[in-house]
């Protein structure tokens, strides 16, 4: 499980393992590079 804390332009990812953290970071990076954002 990965928890995301976000405020303004700051984001902190908390994960139980380095593998989980890296996978989430890479997914967020891909979304950012694509210029796509889904959410509120």
C-alpha atoms as a PDB file:
ATOM      1  CA  UNK A   1       0.000   0.000   0.000  1.00  0.00           C
ATOM      2  CA  UNK A   2       1.256   3.444  -0.915  1.00  0.00           C
ATOM      3  CA  UNK A   3       0.011   6.587   0.766  1.00  0.00           C
ATOM      4  CA  UNK A   4       0.207   9.946  -0.954  1.00  0.00           C
ATOM      5  CA  UNK A   5       0.370  13.222   0.923  1.00  0.00           C
ATOM      6  CA  UNK A   6      -0.010  16.271  -1.303  1.00  0.00           C
ATOM      7  CA  UNK A   7      -0.264  20.005  -0.713  1.00  0.00           C
ATOM      8  CA  UNK A   8       0.081  22.686  -3.387  1.00  0.00           C
ATOM      9  CA  UNK A   9       3.117  21.590  -5.438  1.00  0.00           C
ATOM     10  CA  UNK A  10       4.583  19.191  -2.834  1.00  0.00           C
ATOM     11  CA  UNK A  11       4.049  15.424  -2.891  1.00  0.00           C
ATOM     12  CA  UNK A  12       5.290  12.827  -0.399  1.00  0.00           C
ATOM     13  CA  UNK A  13       4.953   9.099  -1.098  1.00  0.00           C
ATOM     14  CA  UNK A  14       5.008   6.609   1.779  1.00  0.00           C
ATOM     15  CA  UNK A  15       5.337   2.887   1.045  1.00  0.00           C
ATOM     16  CA  UNK A  16       6.076  -0.324   2.903  1.00  0.00           C
ATOM     17  CA  UNK A  17       8.809  -1.351   0.465  1.00  0.00           C
ATOM     18  CA  UNK A  18      11.256   0.268  -1.904  1.00  0.00           C
ATOM     19  CA  UNK A  19       9.778  -1.735  -4.784  1.00  0.00           C
ATOM     20  CA  UNK A  20       6.299  -0.372  -4.107  1.00  0.00           C
ATOM     21  CA  UNK A  21       7.645   3.157  -3.805  1.00  0.00           C
ATOM     22  CA  UNK A  22       9.614   2.960  -7.044  1.00  0.00           C
ATOM     23  CA  UNK A  23       6.661   1.515  -8.988  1.00  0.00           C
ATOM     24  CA  UNK A  24       4.373   4.295  -7.767  1.00  0.00           C
ATOM     25  CA  UNK A  25       6.953   6.970  -8.542  1.00  0.00           C
ATOM     26  CA  UNK A  26       7.468   5.643 -12.072  1.00  0.00           C
ATOM     27  CA  UNK A  27       3.706   5.581 -12.663  1.00  0.00           C
ATOM     28  CA  UNK A  28       3.366   9.182 -11.438  1.00  0.00           C
ATOM     29  CA  UNK A  29       6.312  10.219 -13.598  1.00  0.00           C
ATOM     30  CA  UNK A  30       4.721   8.661 -16.706  1.00  0.00           C
ATOM     31  CA  UNK A  31       1.425  10.456 -16.050  1.00  0.00           C
ATOM     32  CA  UNK A  32       3.247  13.764 -15.546  1.00  0.00           C
ATOM     33  CA  UNK A  33       5.217  13.365 -18.777  1.00  0.00           C
ATOM     34  CA  UNK A  34       2.021  12.514 -20.672  1.00  0.00           C
ATOM     35  CA  UNK A  35       0.367  15.657 -19.341  1.00  0.00           C
ATOM     36  CA  UNK A  36      -2.649  13.677 -18.162  1.00  0.00           C
ATOM     37  CA  UNK A  37      -4.241  14.175 -14.765  1.00  0.00           C
ATOM     38  CA  UNK A  38      -7.314  12.371 -13.481  1.00  0.00           C
ATOM     39  CA  UNK A  39      -8.757  13.430 -10.175  1.00  0.00           C
ATOM     40  CA  UNK A  40     -10.151  16.288  -8.232  1.00  0.00           C
END
